[in-house]
């Protein structure tokens, strides 16, 4: 019996081709797998407690922008998975939840927390763990000086103070009574106002402090009333501004009352009621999108945020909505600059090259600037008239 000789060369050739193709196939499979995997972004907001007036609209803006990004295909083909925790406005919880997001949930970035105090607590941890973080602090201490891993979206207290002092100068107000909360936000605001006031010909005739949660602030209001201050400036988050309005009305204070951007919310009108009538606030443009001129680079995005929020939540947005929306806008723009996988390091590096218009202003980020451009004219003066916000500039 004779057996046919088998030519083994074709099999060797196929085997060699298979070996050559295997790495390519593995790379393609890995790329496809990465594209299908979600990318986790964490959010820590004060969804309950006294700072929820900040956290709730921030969380809404966060989810609204994530849905928008995912609908468009995600970040470089990867859908975003949101991981959100409620800090209750507590600095200890904010720190614990940040570590949980970074070390257990393996998020690529963190948005928040809501208040200046929480943000100042979280900032050093973000730099320690090397996690790109976009905080929502209203104090320039957050990004002055710049630290590698921390960015911030609200305008700083310096920008707001300059805006209000400019208003006082135009209106001939040369002496003010300054009312500030005894917390990080209030103390930073007081320092900046006192530093800048002489440049505008304004004198702080009386400075009073209070605890933001105080149920009665009458004593401080009376001392401002009895001074020669021509107007009162309140620098505090809620609930203090509405308590002060109530106390001022009760003691017959008749002079103008101005507020920092922390009070730029419907809560001032709802909680303040009739006492809020005639009160002024320095606000970001999101409360008055119609004030932006046709050639303003912020016009399109501000009007989009306003319209999208109103359609989704059936009410006008608070200015705080833009804090988180802008944070994700920056991350989205940064991801488009990344060649290769999105890592914490590659994202951080790309974020420092982003130039984009947001709801809070223009961002021209760089190694020397981790927040909105102070020259982007982001603030406008509003007054309560007939229970509604009206532009007063």
Protein backbone atom coordinates (compact mmCIF):
# COMPACT_ATOMS: atom_id res chain seq x y z
CA UNK A 1 0.00 0.00 0.00
CA UNK A 2 1.34 3.36 -0.99
CA UNK A 3 0.70 6.62 0.93
CA UNK A 4 0.59 9.99 -0.83
CA UNK A 5 3.21 12.45 0.31
CA UNK A 6 1.65 15.49 1.99
CA UNK A 7 3.05 18.95 1.19
CA UNK A 8 3.37 20.70 4.55
CA UNK A 9 4.55 24.08 3.19
CA UNK A 10 1.05 25.57 2.77
CA UNK A 11 0.30 24.77 6.40
CA UNK A 12 3.55 26.40 7.49
CA UNK A 13 2.69 29.48 5.43
CA UNK A 14 -0.78 29.70 7.01
CA UNK A 15 0.74 29.25 10.45
CA UNK A 16 3.21 32.08 9.86
CA UNK A 17 0.46 34.40 8.60
CA UNK A 18 -1.65 33.57 11.64
CA UNK A 19 1.25 34.40 13.95
CA UNK A 20 1.83 37.72 12.18
CA UNK A 21 -1.85 38.65 12.28
CA UNK A 22 -2.41 37.70 15.91
CA UNK A 23 -0.96 40.88 17.46
CA UNK A 24 -2.93 43.06 15.05
CA UNK A 25 -6.12 41.18 15.87
CA UNK A 26 -5.44 41.57 19.57
CA UNK A 27 -4.88 45.32 19.15
CA UNK A 28 -8.11 45.69 17.19
CA UNK A 29 -9.98 43.67 19.79
CA UNK A 30 -8.54 45.80 22.59
CA UNK A 31 -9.48 49.00 20.77
CA UNK A 32 -13.02 47.73 20.19
CA UNK A 33 -13.25 46.65 23.81
CA UNK A 34 -12.11 50.06 25.05
CA UNK A 35 -14.62 51.80 22.80
CA UNK A 36 -17.39 49.69 24.33
CA UNK A 37 -16.27 50.28 27.93
CA UNK A 38 -17.74 53.20 29.82
CA UNK A 39 -15.60 55.96 31.25
CA UNK A 40 -16.47 56.87 34.83
CA UNK A 41 -16.76 60.47 35.97
CA UNK A 42 -17.57 61.23 39.59
CA UNK A 43 -19.77 63.96 41.00
CA UNK A 44 -19.93 65.09 44.62
CA UNK A 45 -22.68 67.60 45.29
CA UNK A 46 -24.65 68.88 48.28
CA UNK A 47 -27.93 67.24 47.27
CA UNK A 48 -29.38 67.64 50.76
CA UNK A 49 -28.78 69.94 53.70
CA UNK A 50 -28.38 73.73 53.77
CA UNK A 51 -26.15 73.86 50.68
CA UNK A 52 -28.58 71.91 48.49
CA UNK A 53 -29.55 75.15 46.74
CA UNK A 54 -26.09 74.81 45.16
CA UNK A 55 -25.88 71.05 44.79
CA UNK A 56 -29.24 70.28 43.21
CA UNK A 57 -28.85 72.56 40.15
CA UNK A 58 -25.21 71.49 39.86
CA UNK A 59 -26.17 67.81 39.77
CA UNK A 60 -28.85 68.58 37.20
CA UNK A 61 -26.37 70.38 34.98
CA UNK A 62 -23.98 67.45 35.44
CA UNK A 63 -26.50 64.87 34.26
CA UNK A 64 -27.83 67.09 31.49
CA UNK A 65 -24.38 67.50 29.95
CA UNK A 66 -23.48 63.82 30.38
CA UNK A 67 -26.65 62.79 28.54
CA UNK A 68 -25.76 65.25 25.78
CA UNK A 69 -22.22 63.85 25.44
CA UNK A 70 -23.43 60.24 25.48
CA UNK A 71 -26.07 60.97 22.87
CA UNK A 72 -23.30 62.31 20.62
CA UNK A 73 -21.24 59.12 21.06
CA UNK A 74 -19.40 59.70 24.33
CA UNK A 75 -15.81 60.74 24.96
CA UNK A 76 -13.76 59.37 22.07
CA UNK A 77 -16.33 56.63 21.57
CA UNK A 78 -16.71 55.76 25.26
CA UNK A 79 -19.99 56.49 27.02
CA UNK A 80 -19.80 58.27 30.37
CA UNK A 81 -20.98 56.47 33.49
CA UNK A 82 -21.88 58.94 36.24
CA UNK A 83 -21.03 58.08 39.85
CA UNK A 84 -22.65 60.61 42.19
CA UNK A 85 -22.57 61.05 45.97
CA UNK A 86 -24.35 63.49 48.29
CA UNK A 87 -21.93 65.42 50.52
CA UNK A 88 -24.76 67.12 52.44
CA UNK A 89 -22.49 70.18 52.35
CA UNK A 90 -20.20 68.48 54.89
CA UNK A 91 -16.43 68.88 54.40
CA UNK A 92 -15.61 65.55 56.06
CA UNK A 93 -18.07 63.66 53.87
CA UNK A 94 -16.79 65.47 50.79
CA UNK A 95 -13.24 64.30 51.55
CA UNK A 96 -14.36 60.72 52.21
CA UNK A 97 -16.45 60.56 49.06
CA UNK A 98 -13.67 62.01 46.96
CA UNK A 99 -11.31 59.26 48.10
CA UNK A 100 -13.99 56.66 47.41
CA UNK A 101 -14.46 57.95 43.86
CA UNK A 102 -10.72 58.03 43.23
CA UNK A 103 -9.63 54.81 44.93
CA UNK A 104 -12.65 52.47 44.75
CA UNK A 105 -14.79 53.70 41.87
CA UNK A 106 -11.76 54.43 39.67
CA UNK A 107 -13.24 57.54 38.10
CA UNK A 108 -11.24 59.39 35.46
CA UNK A 109 -12.21 62.80 36.92
CA UNK A 110 -14.29 64.38 39.68
CA UNK A 111 -16.75 67.27 39.37
CA UNK A 112 -17.54 69.25 42.53
CA UNK A 113 -17.98 69.64 45.44
CA UNK A 114 -20.55 72.41 45.76
CA UNK A 115 -19.28 74.89 48.34
CA UNK A 116 -16.02 76.77 48.84
CA UNK A 117 -15.36 75.09 52.18
CA UNK A 118 -15.77 71.60 50.73
CA UNK A 119 -13.72 72.47 47.67
CA UNK A 120 -10.83 73.84 49.73
CA UNK A 121 -10.85 70.57 51.70
CA UNK A 122 -10.90 68.38 48.59
CA UNK A 123 -8.27 70.31 46.60
CA UNK A 124 -5.18 68.93 48.39
CA UNK A 125 -6.58 65.38 48.12
CA UNK A 126 -7.04 65.80 44.36
CA UNK A 127 -3.39 66.78 44.05
CA UNK A 128 -2.30 63.95 46.35
CA UNK A 129 -4.19 61.27 44.39
CA UNK A 130 -3.57 62.95 41.00
CA UNK A 131 -7.19 63.07 39.85
CA UNK A 132 -8.39 65.83 37.47
CA UNK A 133 -10.91 67.74 39.56
CA UNK A 134 -13.18 70.64 38.66
CA UNK A 135 -14.45 72.30 41.82
CA UNK A 136 -17.28 74.80 42.29
CA UNK A 137 -15.66 77.19 44.76
CA UNK A 138 -16.45 80.89 44.75
CA UNK A 139 -13.08 81.84 46.18
CA UNK A 140 -9.92 82.62 44.25
CA UNK A 141 -7.99 80.56 46.82
CA UNK A 142 -9.07 77.50 44.81
CA UNK A 143 -6.86 78.26 41.83
CA UNK A 144 -4.59 81.07 43.07
CA UNK A 145 -1.95 79.83 43.05
CA UNK A 146 -2.61 77.17 40.42
CA UNK A 147 -2.10 73.56 41.51
CA UNK A 148 -1.63 70.73 38.98
CA UNK A 149 -4.85 68.73 39.34
CA UNK A 150 -7.47 71.29 40.41
CA UNK A 151 -9.59 73.42 38.07
CA UNK A 152 -12.56 75.64 38.98
CA UNK A 153 -15.55 76.88 36.97
CA UNK A 154 -17.29 79.71 38.91
CA UNK A 155 -16.00 83.27 38.55
CA UNK A 156 -13.82 84.17 41.54
CA UNK A 157 -14.75 86.46 44.38
CA UNK A 158 -12.24 88.96 42.95
CA UNK A 159 -14.22 89.18 39.69
CA UNK A 160 -17.52 89.62 41.54
CA UNK A 161 -16.09 92.17 43.98
CA UNK A 162 -14.69 94.22 41.11
CA UNK A 163 -18.08 94.13 39.39
CA UNK A 164 -19.98 95.34 42.47
CA UNK A 165 -17.41 97.97 43.38
CA UNK A 166 -17.66 99.26 39.81
CA UNK A 167 -21.43 99.55 40.29
CA UNK A 168 -20.92 101.48 43.55
CA UNK A 169 -18.53 103.88 41.84
CA UNK A 170 -21.01 104.57 39.02
CA UNK A 171 -23.81 105.17 41.54
CA UNK A 172 -21.84 107.46 43.80
CA UNK A 173 -21.77 105.01 46.71
CA UNK A 174 -18.54 105.74 48.57
CA UNK A 175 -19.21 104.00 51.90
CA UNK A 176 -20.61 100.50 52.41
CA UNK A 177 -21.54 98.23 55.27
CA UNK A 178 -20.02 94.81 54.58
CA UNK A 179 -21.83 91.75 55.97
CA UNK A 180 -19.89 88.49 55.56
CA UNK A 181 -20.33 84.89 56.66
CA UNK A 182 -17.69 83.56 59.05
CA UNK A 183 -16.66 80.77 56.69
CA UNK A 184 -14.13 80.31 53.89
CA UNK A 185 -16.35 81.93 51.28
CA UNK A 186 -17.25 84.93 53.43
CA UNK A 187 -13.76 85.54 54.75
CA UNK A 188 -12.21 85.37 51.29
CA UNK A 189 -14.86 87.76 49.97
CA UNK A 190 -14.22 90.21 52.81
CA UNK A 191 -10.49 90.21 52.14
CA UNK A 192 -10.93 90.83 48.41
CA UNK A 193 -13.54 93.60 48.87
CA UNK A 194 -11.31 95.41 51.39
CA UNK A 195 -8.30 95.04 49.11
CA UNK A 196 -10.04 96.36 45.98
CA UNK A 197 -12.35 98.99 47.50
CA UNK A 198 -9.82 101.88 47.55
CA UNK A 199 -9.24 101.45 43.80
CA UNK A 200 -12.92 102.35 43.26
CA UNK A 201 -13.06 105.16 45.80
CA UNK A 202 -15.12 103.01 48.17
CA UNK A 203 -14.62 102.72 51.93
CA UNK A 204 -15.83 99.86 54.12
CA UNK A 205 -17.49 101.95 56.83
CA UNK A 206 -18.57 98.92 58.86
CA UNK A 207 -17.76 95.21 58.64
CA UNK A 208 -19.90 92.63 60.43
CA UNK A 209 -19.59 88.84 60.54
CA UNK A 210 -22.18 86.16 61.26
CA UNK A 211 -22.62 82.42 61.04
CA UNK A 212 -24.40 81.41 57.84
CA UNK A 213 -26.93 79.31 59.78
CA UNK A 214 -27.80 82.02 62.33
CA UNK A 215 -31.55 82.37 62.79
CA UNK A 216 -31.23 86.06 63.71
CA UNK A 217 -28.65 88.60 62.54
CA UNK A 218 -30.41 91.72 63.81
CA UNK A 219 -27.51 92.96 65.97
CA UNK A 220 -25.14 93.12 62.99
CA UNK A 221 -27.81 94.75 60.79
CA UNK A 222 -28.38 97.46 63.42
CA UNK A 223 -24.67 98.27 63.60
CA UNK A 224 -24.57 98.74 59.82
CA UNK A 225 -27.78 100.80 59.98
CA UNK A 226 -26.28 103.09 62.62
CA UNK A 227 -23.09 103.64 60.60
CA UNK A 228 -22.67 106.16 57.79
CA UNK A 229 -22.68 103.41 55.14
CA UNK A 230 -24.76 104.32 52.08
CA UNK A 231 -25.49 100.70 51.16
CA UNK A 232 -25.14 97.17 52.52
CA UNK A 233 -23.21 94.39 50.77
CA UNK A 234 -23.98 90.81 51.86
CA UNK A 235 -21.35 88.17 51.08
CA UNK A 236 -22.81 84.81 52.05
CA UNK A 237 -24.53 81.71 50.77
CA UNK A 238 -28.05 80.86 51.95
CA UNK A 239 -29.90 80.98 54.26
CA UNK A 240 -28.21 84.09 55.72
CA UNK A 241 -29.09 86.55 52.90
CA UNK A 242 -32.84 86.05 53.38
CA UNK A 243 -32.48 86.22 57.18
CA UNK A 244 -30.68 89.55 56.81
CA UNK A 245 -33.40 90.87 54.49
CA UNK A 246 -36.03 89.92 57.07
CA UNK A 247 -34.08 91.51 59.92
CA UNK A 248 -33.35 94.66 57.89
CA UNK A 249 -37.04 95.13 57.12
CA UNK A 250 -37.92 94.63 60.79
CA UNK A 251 -35.55 97.39 61.99
CA UNK A 252 -36.52 99.81 59.22
CA UNK A 253 -33.34 99.67 57.16
CA UNK A 254 -34.13 101.66 54.00
CA UNK A 255 -30.83 101.85 52.14
CA UNK A 256 -29.92 99.66 49.12
CA UNK A 257 -28.90 96.06 49.77
CA UNK A 258 -26.53 94.27 47.39
CA UNK A 259 -25.54 90.59 47.34
CA UNK A 260 -22.66 88.56 45.97
CA UNK A 261 -23.24 85.90 43.32
CA UNK A 262 -23.98 83.32 46.04
CA UNK A 263 -27.50 84.78 46.28
CA UNK A 264 -28.13 84.75 42.51
CA UNK A 265 -30.91 82.20 42.73
CA UNK A 266 -34.70 82.00 42.76
CA UNK A 267 -34.28 81.01 46.43
CA UNK A 268 -33.67 84.67 47.30
CA UNK A 269 -37.07 85.57 45.86
CA UNK A 270 -38.92 82.51 47.18
CA UNK A 271 -37.45 82.63 50.70
CA UNK A 272 -37.21 86.41 50.92
CA UNK A 273 -40.73 87.13 49.69
CA UNK A 274 -41.67 90.80 49.92
CA UNK A 275 -38.43 91.54 51.78
CA UNK A 276 -36.45 90.65 48.64
CA UNK A 277 -38.10 93.36 46.56
CA UNK A 278 -35.53 95.91 45.39
CA UNK A 279 -32.55 93.76 46.39
CA UNK A 280 -29.56 93.57 44.04
CA UNK A 281 -27.27 90.66 43.13
CA UNK A 282 -24.16 90.29 41.03
CA UNK A 283 -25.07 87.35 38.80
CA UNK A 284 -23.65 85.23 36.03
CA UNK A 285 -25.43 85.67 32.70
CA UNK A 286 -27.43 82.44 32.94
CA UNK A 287 -30.15 84.27 34.88
CA UNK A 288 -30.46 86.82 32.06
CA UNK A 289 -29.44 85.16 28.77
CA UNK A 290 -31.22 87.82 26.75
CA UNK A 291 -28.62 90.40 27.83
CA UNK A 292 -25.88 88.86 25.68
CA UNK A 293 -25.29 90.67 22.40
CA UNK A 294 -25.38 88.79 19.10
CA UNK A 295 -21.58 88.90 18.80
CA UNK A 296 -20.86 87.81 22.38
CA UNK A 297 -18.95 84.47 22.33
CA UNK A 298 -20.94 83.30 25.37
CA UNK A 299 -24.36 83.94 23.82
CA UNK A 300 -24.89 80.59 22.08
CA UNK A 301 -23.84 78.35 24.97
CA UNK A 302 -25.63 80.40 27.66
CA UNK A 303 -28.87 80.36 25.70
CA UNK A 304 -28.47 76.63 25.02
CA UNK A 305 -27.98 75.77 28.70
CA UNK A 306 -30.97 77.93 29.62
CA UNK A 307 -33.27 76.41 26.97
CA UNK A 308 -32.17 72.79 27.53
CA UNK A 309 -32.56 73.07 31.30
CA UNK A 310 -35.97 74.68 31.05
CA UNK A 311 -37.18 72.00 28.63
CA UNK A 312 -35.88 69.17 30.81
CA UNK A 313 -36.76 70.44 34.29
CA UNK A 314 -39.70 72.76 33.48
CA UNK A 315 -38.15 75.73 35.26
CA UNK A 316 -35.43 78.30 34.66
CA UNK A 317 -31.93 77.24 35.75
CA UNK A 318 -30.00 78.64 38.68
CA UNK A 319 -26.60 80.07 37.81
CA UNK A 320 -25.02 77.15 39.68
CA UNK A 321 -26.17 74.82 36.89
CA UNK A 322 -23.35 76.12 34.72
CA UNK A 323 -20.70 75.15 37.29
CA UNK A 324 -20.95 71.44 36.49
CA UNK A 325 -22.07 71.88 32.88
CA UNK A 326 -18.95 73.93 32.15
CA UNK A 327 -16.77 71.36 33.93
CA UNK A 328 -17.94 68.65 31.53
CA UNK A 329 -17.70 71.06 28.61
CA UNK A 330 -14.00 71.43 29.43
CA UNK A 331 -13.52 67.67 29.79
CA UNK A 332 -15.32 67.07 26.49
CA UNK A 333 -13.12 69.60 24.69
CA UNK A 334 -10.00 68.14 26.30
CA UNK A 335 -10.86 64.56 25.27
CA UNK A 336 -10.90 65.62 21.61
CA UNK A 337 -7.25 66.62 21.94
CA UNK A 338 -6.12 63.26 23.32
CA UNK A 339 -4.40 60.83 20.97
CA UNK A 340 -4.63 57.37 22.51
CA UNK A 341 -6.35 56.24 25.69
CA UNK A 342 -7.95 58.73 28.06
CA UNK A 343 -6.13 58.51 31.37
CA UNK A 344 -6.13 60.83 34.34
CA UNK A 345 -2.76 62.21 33.26
CA UNK A 346 -3.63 62.65 29.58
CA UNK A 347 -6.93 64.30 30.51
CA UNK A 348 -5.29 66.72 32.95
CA UNK A 349 -2.64 67.67 30.39
CA UNK A 350 -5.26 68.24 27.69
CA UNK A 351 -7.47 70.31 30.00
CA UNK A 352 -4.64 72.82 30.33
CA UNK A 353 -4.89 73.53 26.59
CA UNK A 354 -8.67 74.08 26.34
CA UNK A 355 -10.21 77.33 25.10
CA UNK A 356 -14.00 77.24 25.17
CA UNK A 357 -17.00 79.47 25.92
CA UNK A 358 -19.10 78.30 28.85
CA UNK A 359 -22.07 79.40 30.90
CA UNK A 360 -19.85 81.09 33.49
CA UNK A 361 -17.49 82.81 31.09
CA UNK A 362 -14.68 82.17 28.64
CA UNK A 363 -12.12 79.53 29.56
CA UNK A 364 -8.58 79.97 28.25
CA UNK A 365 -6.92 77.30 30.33
CA UNK A 366 -3.16 76.95 30.63
CA UNK A 367 -0.55 75.91 33.20
CA UNK A 368 -1.04 79.41 34.67
CA UNK A 369 -4.85 79.58 34.53
CA UNK A 370 -7.26 76.89 35.79
CA UNK A 371 -10.49 78.90 35.81
CA UNK A 372 -12.64 81.27 33.74
CA UNK A 373 -10.97 84.29 32.18
CA UNK A 374 -11.58 87.26 34.54
CA UNK A 375 -11.88 89.53 31.51
CA UNK A 376 -14.83 87.65 29.96
CA UNK A 377 -17.48 90.06 31.34
CA UNK A 378 -19.38 87.22 32.95
CA UNK A 379 -21.20 89.26 35.63
CA UNK A 380 -24.35 91.39 35.40
CA UNK A 381 -26.34 93.30 38.02
CA UNK A 382 -29.89 92.09 38.63
CA UNK A 383 -32.61 93.49 40.88
CA UNK A 384 -35.82 91.92 42.19
CA UNK A 385 -38.85 93.72 40.71
CA UNK A 386 -42.38 92.43 41.22
CA UNK A 387 -40.99 89.07 42.31
CA UNK A 388 -38.78 88.60 39.24
CA UNK A 389 -35.17 89.20 38.28
CA UNK A 390 -34.62 92.28 36.12
CA UNK A 391 -31.40 93.65 34.64
CA UNK A 392 -30.34 96.89 36.34
CA UNK A 393 -27.24 98.01 34.43
